[in-house]
Amino acid sequence: MRPKPSGAELLDLARRVLRDDVAAELSGPARYKALMAANAMAIVGRQMAAGTEAEVRMLERLTAILGHDGACADLEGELAKALRAGDFGDDRDVHALLLESVEAKLRESNPRALAVEIGG
């Protein structure tokens, strides 16, 4: 058993210090870089919390839709190529997969974007 604080808690603490204390003392490009690093740390923290469940589910769904195994990134590329070629039309399974993929990526990279209504 690892002692407290956990790795995720330490990462969050370091991110908050960088964002709230260090960046506040900086200006211009240095401030921007510190805030970008803090944002990257927040993304890593969300990825750690999410684990691999979404990626495993995505791989299973891509395999089912495309009909063969492969690396997730390769299958995503293959699906993108097939979509550009019009191979899936209005396939509901593909639509659901794409929506789930975008939502999973936003949950990690920019969760506030999920609260925004599109087409309002």
PDB file of N, CA and C in Angstrom:
ATOM      1  N   MET A   1       0.840  -1.179   0.000  1.00  0.00           N
ATOM      2  CA  MET A   1       0.000   0.000   0.000  1.00  0.00           C
ATOM      3  C   MET A   1       0.886   1.243   0.000  1.00  0.00           C
ATOM      4  N   ARG A   2       0.550   2.164  -0.855  1.00  0.00           N
ATOM      5  CA  ARG A   2       1.315   3.412  -0.918  1.00  0.00           C
ATOM      6  C   ARG A   2       0.833   4.367   0.163  1.00  0.00           C
ATOM      7  N   PRO A   3       1.747   5.148   0.711  1.00  0.00           N
ATOM      8  CA  PRO A   3       1.342   6.121   1.733  1.00  0.00           C
ATOM      9  C   PRO A   3       0.587   7.287   1.103  1.00  0.00           C
ATOM     10  N   LYS A   4      -0.156   7.982   1.930  1.00  0.00           N
ATOM     11  CA  LYS A   4      -0.840   9.194   1.497  1.00  0.00           C
ATOM     12  C   LYS A   4       0.159  10.334   1.513  1.00  0.00           C
ATOM     13  N   PRO A   5       0.102  11.299   0.685  1.00  0.00           N
ATOM     14  CA  PRO A   5      -0.867  11.432  -0.397  1.00  0.00           C
ATOM     15  C   PRO A   5      -0.543  10.513  -1.577  1.00  0.00           C
ATOM     16  N   SER A   6      -1.574  10.214  -2.355  1.00  0.00           N
ATOM     17  CA  SER A   6      -1.408   9.350  -3.527  1.00  0.00           C
ATOM     18  C   SER A   6      -0.693  10.113  -4.637  1.00  0.00           C
ATOM     19  N   GLY A   7      -0.302   9.383  -5.662  1.00  0.00           N
ATOM     20  CA  GLY A   7       0.332  10.028  -6.818  1.00  0.00           C
ATOM     21  C   GLY A   7      -0.575  11.059  -7.455  1.00  0.00           C
ATOM     22  N   ALA A   8      -1.866  10.738  -7.571  1.00  0.00           N
ATOM     23  CA  ALA A   8      -2.826  11.684  -8.159  1.00  0.00           C
ATOM     24  C   ALA A   8      -2.955  12.932  -7.288  1.00  0.00           C
ATOM     25  N   GLU A   9      -2.944  12.733  -5.960  1.00  0.00           N
ATOM     26  CA  GLU A   9      -3.042  13.883  -5.053  1.00  0.00           C
ATOM     27  C   GLU A   9      -1.790  14.751  -5.124  1.00  0.00           C
ATOM     28  N   LEU A  10      -0.630  14.121  -5.222  1.00  0.00           N
ATOM     29  CA  LEU A  10       0.616  14.881  -5.365  1.00  0.00           C
ATOM     30  C   LEU A  10       0.641  15.660  -6.680  1.00  0.00           C
ATOM     31  N   LEU A  11       0.186  15.018  -7.743  1.00  0.00           N
ATOM     32  CA  LEU A  11       0.129  15.687  -9.041  1.00  0.00           C
ATOM     33  C   LEU A  11      -0.793  16.897  -8.970  1.00  0.00           C
ATOM     34  N   ASP A  12      -1.948  16.738  -8.327  1.00  0.00           N
ATOM     35  CA  ASP A  12      -2.895  17.849  -8.204  1.00  0.00           C
ATOM     36  C   ASP A  12      -2.312  18.975  -7.363  1.00  0.00           C
ATOM     37  N   LEU A  13      -1.628  18.633  -6.291  1.00  0.00           N
ATOM     38  CA  LEU A  13      -0.990  19.648  -5.443  1.00  0.00           C
ATOM     39  C   LEU A  13       0.063  20.422  -6.235  1.00  0.00           C
ATOM     40  N   ALA A  14       0.908  19.703  -6.957  1.00  0.00           N
ATOM     41  CA  ALA A  14       1.947  20.363  -7.763  1.00  0.00           C
ATOM     42  C   ALA A  14       1.313  21.248  -8.831  1.00  0.00           C
ATOM     43  N   ARG A  15       0.228  20.778  -9.443  1.00  0.00           N
ATOM     44  CA  ARG A  15      -0.472  21.567 -10.467  1.00  0.00           C
ATOM     45  C   ARG A  15      -1.024  22.855  -9.876  1.00  0.00           C
ATOM     46  N   ARG A  16      -1.640  22.751  -8.697  1.00  0.00           N
ATOM     47  CA  ARG A  16      -2.219  23.945  -8.062  1.00  0.00           C
ATOM     48  C   ARG A  16      -1.136  24.947  -7.661  1.00  0.00           C
ATOM     49  N   VAL A  17      -0.008  24.455  -7.148  1.00  0.00           N
ATOM     50  CA  VAL A  17       1.095  25.355  -6.791  1.00  0.00           C
ATOM     51  C   VAL A  17       1.625  26.060  -8.041  1.00  0.00           C
ATOM     52  N   LEU A  18       1.799  25.301  -9.106  1.00  0.00           N
ATOM     53  CA  LEU A  18       2.292  25.885 -10.356  1.00  0.00           C
ATOM     54  C   LEU A  18       1.310  26.922 -10.892  1.00  0.00           C
ATOM     55  N   ARG A  19       0.027  26.575 -10.906  1.00  0.00           N
ATOM     56  CA  ARG A  19      -0.993  27.481 -11.454  1.00  0.00           C
ATOM     57  C   ARG A  19      -1.230  28.691 -10.562  1.00  0.00           C
ATOM     58  N   ASP A  20      -1.410  28.458  -9.261  1.00  0.00           N
ATOM     59  CA  ASP A  20      -1.845  29.529  -8.368  1.00  0.00           C
ATOM     60  C   ASP A  20      -0.703  30.366  -7.800  1.00  0.00           C
ATOM     61  N   ASP A  21       0.449  29.744  -7.569  1.00  0.00           N
ATOM     62  CA  ASP A  21       1.555  30.471  -6.923  1.00  0.00           C
ATOM     63  C   ASP A  21       2.640  30.870  -7.913  1.00  0.00           C
ATOM     64  N   VAL A  22       3.179  29.893  -8.623  1.00  0.00           N
ATOM     65  CA  VAL A  22       4.296  30.170  -9.528  1.00  0.00           C
ATOM     66  C   VAL A  22       3.853  31.048 -10.692  1.00  0.00           C
ATOM     67  N   ALA A  23       2.779  30.669 -11.380  1.00  0.00           N
ATOM     68  CA  ALA A  23       2.324  31.433 -12.542  1.00  0.00           C
ATOM     69  C   ALA A  23       1.937  32.858 -12.163  1.00  0.00           C
ATOM     70  N   ALA A  24       1.430  33.030 -10.942  1.00  0.00           N
ATOM     71  CA  ALA A  24       1.038  34.374 -10.487  1.00  0.00           C
ATOM     72  C   ALA A  24       2.237  35.313 -10.398  1.00  0.00           C
ATOM     73  N   GLU A  25       3.432  34.756 -10.224  1.00  0.00           N
ATOM     74  CA  GLU A  25       4.647  35.567 -10.117  1.00  0.00           C
ATOM     75  C   GLU A  25       5.295  35.825 -11.481  1.00  0.00           C
ATOM     76  N   LEU A  26       4.754  35.210 -12.512  1.00  0.00           N
ATOM     77  CA  LEU A  26       5.341  35.319 -13.849  1.00  0.00           C
ATOM     78  C   LEU A  26       4.490  36.209 -14.738  1.00  0.00           C
ATOM     79  N   SER A  27       5.048  36.566 -15.881  1.00  0.00           N
ATOM     80  CA  SER A  27       4.290  37.330 -16.869  1.00  0.00           C
ATOM     81  C   SER A  27       4.715  36.893 -18.268  1.00  0.00           C
ATOM     82  N   GLY A  28       3.947  37.289 -19.235  1.00  0.00           N
ATOM     83  CA  GLY A  28       4.265  37.025 -20.632  1.00  0.00           C
ATOM     84  C   GLY A  28       4.392  35.551 -20.952  1.00  0.00           C
ATOM     85  N   PRO A  29       5.370  35.215 -21.807  1.00  0.00           N
ATOM     86  CA  PRO A  29       5.537  33.832 -22.257  1.00  0.00           C
ATOM     87  C   PRO A  29       5.813  32.848 -21.117  1.00  0.00           C
ATOM     88  N   ALA A  30       6.518  33.286 -20.081  1.00  0.00           N
ATOM     89  CA  ALA A  30       6.816  32.387 -18.964  1.00  0.00           C
ATOM     90  C   ALA A  30       5.527  32.013 -18.222  1.00  0.00           C
ATOM     91  N   ARG A  31       4.638  32.976 -18.026  1.00  0.00           N
ATOM     92  CA  ARG A  31       3.349  32.702 -17.378  1.00  0.00           C
ATOM     93  C   ARG A  31       2.530  31.741 -18.228  1.00  0.00           C
ATOM     94  N   TYR A  32       2.489  31.993 -19.523  1.00  0.00           N
ATOM     95  CA  TYR A  32       1.749  31.128 -20.445  1.00  0.00           C
ATOM     96  C   TYR A  32       2.268  29.696 -20.367  1.00  0.00           C
ATOM     97  N   LYS A  33       3.589  29.533 -20.361  1.00  0.00           N
ATOM     98  CA  LYS A  33       4.182  28.197 -20.292  1.00  0.00           C
ATOM     99  C   LYS A  33       3.851  27.514 -18.972  1.00  0.00           C
ATOM    100  N   ALA A  34       3.877  28.246 -17.873  1.00  0.00           N
ATOM    101  CA  ALA A  34       3.542  27.659 -16.578  1.00  0.00           C
ATOM    102  C   ALA A  34       2.081  27.217 -16.552  1.00  0.00           C
ATOM    103  N   LEU A  35       1.191  28.028 -17.103  1.00  0.00           N
ATOM    104  CA  LEU A  35      -0.228  27.664 -17.137  1.00  0.00           C
ATOM    105  C   LEU A  35      -0.480  26.482 -18.072  1.00  0.00           C
ATOM    106  N   MET A  36       0.255  26.415 -19.165  1.00  0.00           N
ATOM    107  CA  MET A  36       0.127  25.260 -20.068  1.00  0.00           C
ATOM    108  C   MET A  36       0.600  23.986 -19.378  1.00  0.00           C
ATOM    109  N   ALA A  37       1.683  24.076 -18.631  1.00  0.00           N
ATOM    110  CA  ALA A  37       2.178  22.908 -17.891  1.00  0.00           C
ATOM    111  C   ALA A  37       1.165  22.488 -16.832  1.00  0.00           C
ATOM    112  N   ALA A  38       0.556  23.453 -16.138  1.00  0.00           N
ATOM    113  CA  ALA A  38      -0.465  23.127 -15.139  1.00  0.00           C
ATOM    114  C   ALA A  38      -1.667  22.470 -15.798  1.00  0.00           C
ATOM    115  N   ASN A  39      -2.052  22.941 -16.972  1.00  0.00           N
ATOM    116  CA  ASN A  39      -3.170  22.340 -17.701  1.00  0.00           C
ATOM    117  C   ASN A  39      -2.826  20.910 -18.116  1.00  0.00           C
ATOM    118  N   ALA A  40      -1.609  20.688 -18.577  1.00  0.00           N
ATOM    119  CA  ALA A  40      -1.180  19.338 -18.952  1.00  0.00           C
ATOM    120  C   ALA A  40      -1.222  18.413 -17.741  1.00  0.00           C
ATOM    121  N   MET A  41      -0.833  18.928 -16.593  1.00  0.00           N
ATOM    122  CA  MET A  41      -0.874  18.123 -15.370  1.00  0.00           C
ATOM    123  C   MET A  41      -2.320  17.770 -15.003  1.00  0.00           C
ATOM    124  N   ALA A  42      -3.243  18.692 -15.229  1.00  0.00           N
ATOM    125  CA  ALA A  42      -4.659  18.418 -14.951  1.00  0.00           C
ATOM    126  C   ALA A  42      -5.177  17.312 -15.872  1.00  0.00           C
ATOM    127  N   ILE A  43      -4.781  17.354 -17.139  1.00  0.00           N
ATOM    128  CA  ILE A  43      -5.189  16.317 -18.095  1.00  0.00           C
ATOM    129  C   ILE A  43      -4.649  14.962 -17.660  1.00  0.00           C
ATOM    130  N   VAL A  44      -3.383  14.918 -17.278  1.00  0.00           N
ATOM    131  CA  VAL A  44      -2.785  13.659 -16.817  1.00  0.00           C
ATOM    132  C   VAL A  44      -3.529  13.139 -15.591  1.00  0.00           C
ATOM    133  N   GLY A  45      -3.878  14.024 -14.678  1.00  0.00           N
ATOM    134  CA  GLY A  45      -4.631  13.613 -13.494  1.00  0.00           C
ATOM    135  C   GLY A  45      -5.974  13.006 -13.855  1.00  0.00           C
ATOM    136  N   ARG A  46      -6.673  13.622 -14.819  1.00  0.00           N
ATOM    137  CA  ARG A  46      -7.969  13.071 -15.249  1.00  0.00           C
ATOM    138  C   ARG A  46      -7.783  11.741 -15.964  1.00  0.00           C
ATOM    139  N   GLN A  47      -6.704  11.603 -16.732  1.00  0.00           N
ATOM    140  CA  GLN A  47      -6.426  10.326 -17.391  1.00  0.00           C
ATOM    141  C   GLN A  47      -6.142   9.235 -16.364  1.00  0.00           C
ATOM    142  N   MET A  48      -5.395   9.583 -15.335  1.00  0.00           N
ATOM    143  CA  MET A  48      -5.105   8.613 -14.274  1.00  0.00           C
ATOM    144  C   MET A  48      -6.394   8.172 -13.592  1.00  0.00           C
ATOM    145  N   ALA A  49      -7.265   9.126 -13.321  1.00  0.00           N
ATOM    146  CA  ALA A  49      -8.525   8.818 -12.642  1.00  0.00           C
ATOM    147  C   ALA A  49      -9.439   7.962 -13.514  1.00  0.00           C
ATOM    148  N   ALA A  50      -9.425   8.215 -14.818  1.00  0.00           N
ATOM    149  CA  ALA A  50     -10.307   7.482 -15.733  1.00  0.00           C
ATOM    150  C   ALA A  50      -9.831   6.061 -15.974  1.00  0.00           C
ATOM    151  N   GLY A  51      -8.542   5.834 -15.852  1.00  0.00           N
ATOM    152  CA  GLY A  51      -8.016   4.499 -16.129  1.00  0.00           C
ATOM    153  C   GLY A  51      -8.123   4.167 -17.609  1.00  0.00           C
ATOM    154  N   THR A  52      -8.220   2.883 -17.913  1.00  0.00           N
ATOM    155  CA  THR A  52      -8.230   2.446 -19.314  1.00  0.00           C
ATOM    156  C   THR A  52      -9.597   1.975 -19.786  1.00  0.00           C
ATOM    157  N   GLU A  53     -10.616   2.112 -18.932  1.00  0.00           N
ATOM    158  CA  GLU A  53     -11.943   1.599 -19.269  1.00  0.00           C
ATOM    159  C   GLU A  53     -12.479   2.135 -20.593  1.00  0.00           C
ATOM    160  N   ALA A  54     -12.402   3.442 -20.801  1.00  0.00           N
ATOM    161  CA  ALA A  54     -12.941   4.033 -22.028  1.00  0.00           C
ATOM    162  C   ALA A  54     -12.177   3.543 -23.257  1.00  0.00           C
ATOM    163  N   GLU A  55     -10.858   3.428 -23.133  1.00  0.00           N
ATOM    164  CA  GLU A  55     -10.064   2.966 -24.270  1.00  0.00           C
ATOM    165  C   GLU A  55     -10.364   1.506 -24.601  1.00  0.00           C
ATOM    166  N   VAL A  56     -10.548   0.684 -23.583  1.00  0.00           N
ATOM    167  CA  VAL A  56     -10.884  -0.726 -23.805  1.00  0.00           C
ATOM    168  C   VAL A  56     -12.241  -0.828 -24.492  1.00  0.00           C
ATOM    169  N   ARG A  57     -13.215  -0.049 -23.994  1.00  0.00           N
ATOM    170  CA  ARG A  57     -14.551  -0.054 -24.609  1.00  0.00           C
ATOM    171  C   ARG A  57     -14.486   0.424 -26.063  1.00  0.00           C
ATOM    172  N   MET A  58     -13.680   1.460 -26.319  1.00  0.00           N
ATOM    173  CA  MET A  58     -13.534   1.983 -27.678  1.00  0.00           C
ATOM    174  C   MET A  58     -12.939   0.923 -28.596  1.00  0.00           C
ATOM    175  N   LEU A  59     -11.924   0.229 -28.129  1.00  0.00           N
ATOM    176  CA  LEU A  59     -11.289  -0.816 -28.929  1.00  0.00           C
ATOM    177  C   LEU A  59     -12.282  -1.932 -29.243  1.00  0.00           C
ATOM    178  N   GLU A  60     -13.078  -2.329 -28.260  1.00  0.00           N
ATOM    179  CA  GLU A  60     -14.081  -3.372 -28.493  1.00  0.00           C
ATOM    180  C   GLU A  60     -15.097  -2.937 -29.539  1.00  0.00           C
ATOM    181  N   ARG A  61     -15.548  -1.702 -29.452  1.00  0.00           N
ATOM    182  CA  ARG A  61     -16.561  -1.208 -30.397  1.00  0.00           C
ATOM    183  C   ARG A  61     -15.977  -1.025 -31.796  1.00  0.00           C
ATOM    184  N   LEU A  62     -14.751  -0.528 -31.891  1.00  0.00           N
ATOM    185  CA  LEU A  62     -14.104  -0.394 -33.202  1.00  0.00           C
ATOM    186  C   LEU A  62     -13.925  -1.760 -33.849  1.00  0.00           C
ATOM    187  N   THR A  63     -13.505  -2.738 -33.056  1.00  0.00           N
ATOM    188  CA  THR A  63     -13.320  -4.100 -33.562  1.00  0.00           C
ATOM    189  C   THR A  63     -14.638  -4.655 -34.090  1.00  0.00           C
ATOM    190  N   ALA A  64     -15.720  -4.426 -33.358  1.00  0.00           N
ATOM    191  CA  ALA A  64     -17.029  -4.923 -33.791  1.00  0.00           C
ATOM    192  C   ALA A  64     -17.493  -4.235 -35.074  1.00  0.00           C
ATOM    193  N   ILE A  65     -17.300  -2.934 -35.159  1.00  0.00           N
ATOM    194  CA  ILE A  65     -17.759  -2.178 -36.340  1.00  0.00           C
ATOM    195  C   ILE A  65     -16.932  -2.513 -37.571  1.00  0.00           C
ATOM    196  N   LEU A  66     -15.611  -2.596 -37.396  1.00  0.00           N
ATOM    197  CA  LEU A  66     -14.741  -2.830 -38.544  1.00  0.00           C
ATOM    198  C   LEU A  66     -14.556  -4.311 -38.862  1.00  0.00           C
ATOM    199  N   GLY A  67     -14.873  -5.164 -37.909  1.00  0.00           N
ATOM    200  CA  GLY A  67     -14.833  -6.597 -38.165  1.00  0.00           C
ATOM    201  C   GLY A  67     -13.474  -7.247 -38.028  1.00  0.00           C
ATOM    202  N   HIS A  68     -12.518  -6.556 -37.395  1.00  0.00           N
ATOM    203  CA  HIS A  68     -11.206  -7.156 -37.165  1.00  0.00           C
ATOM    204  C   HIS A  68     -10.492  -6.431 -36.037  1.00  0.00           C
ATOM    205  N   ASP A  69      -9.477  -7.107 -35.492  1.00  0.00           N
ATOM    206  CA  ASP A  69      -8.675  -6.554 -34.397  1.00  0.00           C
ATOM    207  C   ASP A  69      -7.608  -5.603 -34.934  1.00  0.00           C
ATOM    208  N   GLY A  70      -7.024  -4.863 -34.006  1.00  0.00           N
ATOM    209  CA  GLY A  70      -5.907  -3.982 -34.325  1.00  0.00           C
ATOM    210  C   GLY A  70      -5.673  -3.041 -33.164  1.00  0.00           C
ATOM    211  N   ALA A  71      -4.662  -2.210 -33.299  1.00  0.00           N
ATOM    212  CA  ALA A  71      -4.393  -1.186 -32.292  1.00  0.00           C
ATOM    213  C   ALA A  71      -5.466  -0.110 -32.396  1.00  0.00           C
ATOM    214  N   CYS A  72      -5.839   0.450 -31.263  1.00  0.00           N
ATOM    215  CA  CYS A  72      -6.922   1.428 -31.230  1.00  0.00           C
ATOM    216  C   CYS A  72      -6.663   2.591 -32.199  1.00  0.00           C
ATOM    217  N   ALA A  73      -5.472   3.142 -32.181  1.00  0.00           N
ATOM    218  CA  ALA A  73      -5.158   4.272 -33.056  1.00  0.00           C
ATOM    219  C   ALA A  73      -5.267   3.879 -34.532  1.00  0.00           C
ATOM    220  N   ASP A  74      -4.829   2.674 -34.866  1.00  0.00           N
ATOM    221  CA  ASP A  74      -4.927   2.204 -36.251  1.00  0.00           C
ATOM    222  C   ASP A  74      -6.381   2.037 -36.662  1.00  0.00           C
ATOM    223  N   LEU A  75      -7.191   1.469 -35.774  1.00  0.00           N
ATOM    224  CA  LEU A  75      -8.604   1.267 -36.085  1.00  0.00           C
ATOM    225  C   LEU A  75      -9.343   2.598 -36.190  1.00  0.00           C
ATOM    226  N   GLU A  76      -8.981   3.557 -35.338  1.00  0.00           N
ATOM    227  CA  GLU A  76      -9.589   4.889 -35.449  1.00  0.00           C
ATOM    228  C   GLU A  76      -9.256   5.517 -36.796  1.00  0.00           C
ATOM    229  N   GLY A  77      -8.018   5.362 -37.245  1.00  0.00           N
ATOM    230  CA  GLY A  77      -7.622   5.875 -38.560  1.00  0.00           C
ATOM    231  C   GLY A  77      -8.372   5.190 -39.684  1.00  0.00           C
ATOM    232  N   GLU A  78      -8.545   3.888 -39.551  1.00  0.00           N
ATOM    233  CA  GLU A  78      -9.284   3.135 -40.567  1.00  0.00           C
ATOM    234  C   GLU A  78     -10.744   3.577 -40.610  1.00  0.00           C
ATOM    235  N   LEU A  79     -11.337   3.783 -39.447  1.00  0.00           N
ATOM    236  CA  LEU A  79     -12.723   4.252 -39.404  1.00  0.00           C
ATOM    237  C   LEU A  79     -12.835   5.639 -40.026  1.00  0.00           C
ATOM    238  N   ALA A  80     -11.899   6.518 -39.725  1.00  0.00           N
ATOM    239  CA  ALA A  80     -11.917   7.869 -40.298  1.00  0.00           C
ATOM    240  C   ALA A  80     -11.846   7.805 -41.826  1.00  0.00           C
ATOM    241  N   LYS A  81     -10.980   6.958 -42.338  1.00  0.00           N
ATOM    242  CA  LYS A  81     -10.854   6.810 -43.788  1.00  0.00           C
ATOM    243  C   LYS A  81     -12.158   6.279 -44.391  1.00  0.00           C
ATOM    244  N   ALA A  82     -12.759   5.294 -43.720  1.00  0.00           N
ATOM    245  CA  ALA A  82     -14.027   4.733 -44.203  1.00  0.00           C
ATOM    246  C   ALA A  82     -15.144   5.774 -44.161  1.00  0.00           C
ATOM    247  N   LEU A  83     -15.151   6.602 -43.135  1.00  0.00           N
ATOM    248  CA  LEU A  83     -16.172   7.651 -43.039  1.00  0.00           C
ATOM    249  C   LEU A  83     -16.012   8.680 -44.155  1.00  0.00           C
ATOM    250  N   ARG A  84     -14.762   9.058 -44.437  1.00  0.00           N
ATOM    251  CA  ARG A  84     -14.520  10.003 -45.528  1.00  0.00           C
ATOM    252  C   ARG A  84     -14.967   9.431 -46.870  1.00  0.00           C
ATOM    253  N   ALA A  85     -14.862   8.120 -47.006  1.00  0.00           N
ATOM    254  CA  ALA A  85     -15.278   7.458 -48.245  1.00  0.00           C
ATOM    255  C   ALA A  85     -16.790   7.236 -48.293  1.00  0.00           C
ATOM    256  N   GLY A  86     -17.482   7.539 -47.189  1.00  0.00           N
ATOM    257  CA  GLY A  86     -18.933   7.364 -47.147  1.00  0.00           C
ATOM    258  C   GLY A  86     -19.375   5.933 -46.927  1.00  0.00           C
ATOM    259  N   ASP A  87     -18.495   5.106 -46.381  1.00  0.00           N
ATOM    260  CA  ASP A  87     -18.797   3.685 -46.241  1.00  0.00           C
ATOM    261  C   ASP A  87     -19.859   3.360 -45.199  1.00  0.00           C
ATOM    262  N   PHE A  88     -20.125   4.240 -44.238  1.00  0.00           N
ATOM    263  CA  PHE A  88     -21.049   3.897 -43.167  1.00  0.00           C
ATOM    264  C   PHE A  88     -22.369   4.650 -43.217  1.00  0.00           C
ATOM    265  N   GLY A  89     -22.481   5.647 -44.050  1.00  0.00           N
ATOM    266  CA  GLY A  89     -23.741   6.374 -44.162  1.00  0.00           C
ATOM    267  C   GLY A  89     -24.236   6.861 -42.816  1.00  0.00           C
ATOM    268  N   ASP A  90     -25.482   6.481 -42.485  1.00  0.00           N
ATOM    269  CA  ASP A  90     -26.109   6.912 -41.228  1.00  0.00           C
ATOM    270  C   ASP A  90     -26.097   5.811 -40.178  1.00  0.00           C
ATOM    271  N   ASP A  91     -25.074   5.010 -40.127  1.00  0.00           N
ATOM    272  CA  ASP A  91     -24.978   3.887 -39.193  1.00  0.00           C
ATOM    273  C   ASP A  91     -25.048   4.384 -37.748  1.00  0.00           C
ATOM    274  N   ARG A  92     -26.063   3.950 -37.011  1.00  0.00           N
ATOM    275  CA  ARG A  92     -26.279   4.400 -35.631  1.00  0.00           C
ATOM    276  C   ARG A  92     -25.150   3.951 -34.697  1.00  0.00           C
ATOM    277  N   ASP A  93     -24.599   2.757 -34.931  1.00  0.00           N
ATOM    278  CA  ASP A  93     -23.503   2.284 -34.079  1.00  0.00           C
ATOM    279  C   ASP A  93     -22.264   3.159 -34.241  1.00  0.00           C
ATOM    280  N   VAL A  94     -21.994   3.565 -35.473  1.00  0.00           N
ATOM    281  CA  VAL A  94     -20.838   4.434 -35.729  1.00  0.00           C
ATOM    282  C   VAL A  94     -21.084   5.809 -35.108  1.00  0.00           C
ATOM    283  N   HIS A  95     -22.297   6.324 -35.263  1.00  0.00           N
ATOM    284  CA  HIS A  95     -22.626   7.623 -34.669  1.00  0.00           C
ATOM    285  C   HIS A  95     -22.443   7.571 -33.152  1.00  0.00           C
ATOM    286  N   ALA A  96     -22.946   6.530 -32.505  1.00  0.00           N
ATOM    287  CA  ALA A  96     -22.820   6.386 -31.057  1.00  0.00           C
ATOM    288  C   ALA A  96     -21.351   6.271 -30.643  1.00  0.00           C
ATOM    289  N   LEU A  97     -20.577   5.532 -31.416  1.00  0.00           N
ATOM    290  CA  LEU A  97     -19.150   5.384 -31.127  1.00  0.00           C
ATOM    291  C   LEU A  97     -18.435   6.729 -31.213  1.00  0.00           C
ATOM    292  N   LEU A  98     -18.715   7.488 -32.262  1.00  0.00           N
ATOM    293  CA  LEU A  98     -18.061   8.788 -32.433  1.00  0.00           C
ATOM    294  C   LEU A  98     -18.449   9.751 -31.306  1.00  0.00           C
ATOM    295  N   LEU A  99     -19.710   9.750 -30.929  1.00  0.00           N
ATOM    296  CA  LEU A  99     -20.164  10.613 -29.843  1.00  0.00           C
ATOM    297  C   LEU A  99     -19.488  10.223 -28.530  1.00  0.00           C
ATOM    298  N   GLU A 100     -19.434   8.931 -28.242  1.00  0.00           N
ATOM    299  CA  GLU A 100     -18.786   8.458 -27.018  1.00  0.00           C
ATOM    300  C   GLU A 100     -17.295   8.796 -27.023  1.00  0.00           C
ATOM    301  N   SER A 101     -16.661   8.676 -28.178  1.00  0.00           N
ATOM    302  CA  SER A 101     -15.235   8.979 -28.295  1.00  0.00           C
ATOM    303  C   SER A 101     -14.958  10.451 -28.005  1.00  0.00           C
ATOM    304  N   VAL A 102     -15.755  11.319 -28.597  1.00  0.00           N
ATOM    305  CA  VAL A 102     -15.569  12.754 -28.379  1.00  0.00           C
ATOM    306  C   VAL A 102     -15.817  13.105 -26.913  1.00  0.00           C
ATOM    307  N   GLU A 103     -16.874  12.549 -26.334  1.00  0.00           N
ATOM    308  CA  GLU A 103     -17.168  12.838 -24.931  1.00  0.00           C
ATOM    309  C   GLU A 103     -16.048  12.347 -24.010  1.00  0.00           C
ATOM    310  N   ALA A 104     -15.515  11.156 -24.279  1.00  0.00           N
ATOM    311  CA  ALA A 104     -14.428  10.617 -23.455  1.00  0.00           C
ATOM    312  C   ALA A 104     -13.190  11.504 -23.560  1.00  0.00           C
ATOM    313  N   LYS A 105     -12.881  11.959 -24.764  1.00  0.00           N
ATOM    314  CA  LYS A 105     -11.708  12.819 -24.952  1.00  0.00           C
ATOM    315  C   LYS A 105     -11.905  14.169 -24.267  1.00  0.00           C
ATOM    316  N   LEU A 106     -13.128  14.712 -24.342  1.00  0.00           N
ATOM    317  CA  LEU A 106     -13.399  15.983 -23.672  1.00  0.00           C
ATOM    318  C   LEU A 106     -13.374  15.848 -22.156  1.00  0.00           C
ATOM    319  N   ARG A 107     -13.853  14.727 -21.621  1.00  0.00           N
ATOM    320  CA  ARG A 107     -13.804  14.520 -20.171  1.00  0.00           C
ATOM    321  C   ARG A 107     -12.373  14.619 -19.656  1.00  0.00           C
ATOM    322  N   GLU A 108     -11.411  14.207 -20.467  1.00  0.00           N
ATOM    323  CA  GLU A 108     -10.010  14.282 -20.057  1.00  0.00           C
ATOM    324  C   GLU A 108      -9.375  15.623 -20.397  1.00  0.00           C
ATOM    325  N   SER A 109      -9.610  16.126 -21.596  1.00  0.00           N
ATOM    326  CA  SER A 109      -8.881  17.307 -22.048  1.00  0.00           C
ATOM    327  C   SER A 109      -9.550  18.629 -21.692  1.00  0.00           C
ATOM    328  N   ASN A 110     -10.880  18.662 -21.673  1.00  0.00           N
ATOM    329  CA  ASN A 110     -11.578  19.920 -21.420  1.00  0.00           C
ATOM    330  C   ASN A 110     -12.995  19.641 -20.926  1.00  0.00           C
ATOM    331  N   PRO A 111     -13.151  19.161 -19.698  1.00  0.00           N
ATOM    332  CA  PRO A 111     -14.473  18.767 -19.214  1.00  0.00           C
ATOM    333  C   PRO A 111     -15.489  19.901 -19.189  1.00  0.00           C
ATOM    334  N   ARG A 112     -15.030  21.132 -19.086  1.00  0.00           N
ATOM    335  CA  ARG A 112     -15.982  22.262 -19.098  1.00  0.00           C
ATOM    336  C   ARG A 112     -16.710  22.369 -20.430  1.00  0.00           C
ATOM    337  N   ALA A 113     -16.096  21.893 -21.510  1.00  0.00           N
ATOM    338  CA  ALA A 113     -16.741  21.953 -22.821  1.00  0.00           C
ATOM    339  C   ALA A 113     -17.986  21.078 -22.877  1.00  0.00           C
ATOM    340  N   LEU A 114     -18.065  20.061 -22.048  1.00  0.00           N
ATOM    341  CA  LEU A 114     -19.238  19.189 -22.038  1.00  0.00           C
ATOM    342  C   LEU A 114     -20.467  19.901 -21.485  1.00  0.00           C
ATOM    343  N   ALA A 115     -20.272  20.950 -20.726  1.00  0.00           N
ATOM    344  CA  ALA A 115     -21.390  21.706 -20.149  1.00  0.00           C
ATOM    345  C   ALA A 115     -21.984  22.705 -21.136  1.00  0.00           C
ATOM    346  N   VAL A 116     -21.315  22.940 -22.247  1.00  0.00           N
ATOM    347  CA  VAL A 116     -21.765  23.909 -23.241  1.00  0.00           C
ATOM    348  C   VAL A 116     -22.778  23.260 -24.164  1.00  0.00           C
ATOM    349  N   GLU A 117     -23.925  23.911 -24.319  1.00  0.00           N
ATOM    350  CA  GLU A 117     -24.926  23.401 -25.251  1.00  0.00           C
ATOM    351  C   GLU A 117     -24.583  23.877 -26.650  1.00  0.00           C
ATOM    352  N   ILE A 118     -24.607  22.949 -27.579  1.00  0.00           N
ATOM    353  CA  ILE A 118     -24.303  23.271 -28.968  1.00  0.00           C
ATOM    354  C   ILE A 118     -25.604  23.463 -29.725  1.00  0.00           C
ATOM    355  N   GLY A 119     -25.669  24.499 -30.539  1.00  0.00           N
ATOM    356  CA  GLY A 119     -26.850  24.743 -31.363  1.00  0.00           C
ATOM    357  C   GLY A 119     -27.970  25.446 -30.619  1.00  0.00           C
ATOM    358  N   GLY A 120     -27.678  25.915 -29.382  1.00  0.00           N
ATOM    359  CA  GLY A 120     -28.526  26.546 -28.433  1.00  0.00           C
ATOM    360  C   GLY A 120     -29.669  27.279 -28.861  1.00  0.00           C
TER     361      GLY A 120
END
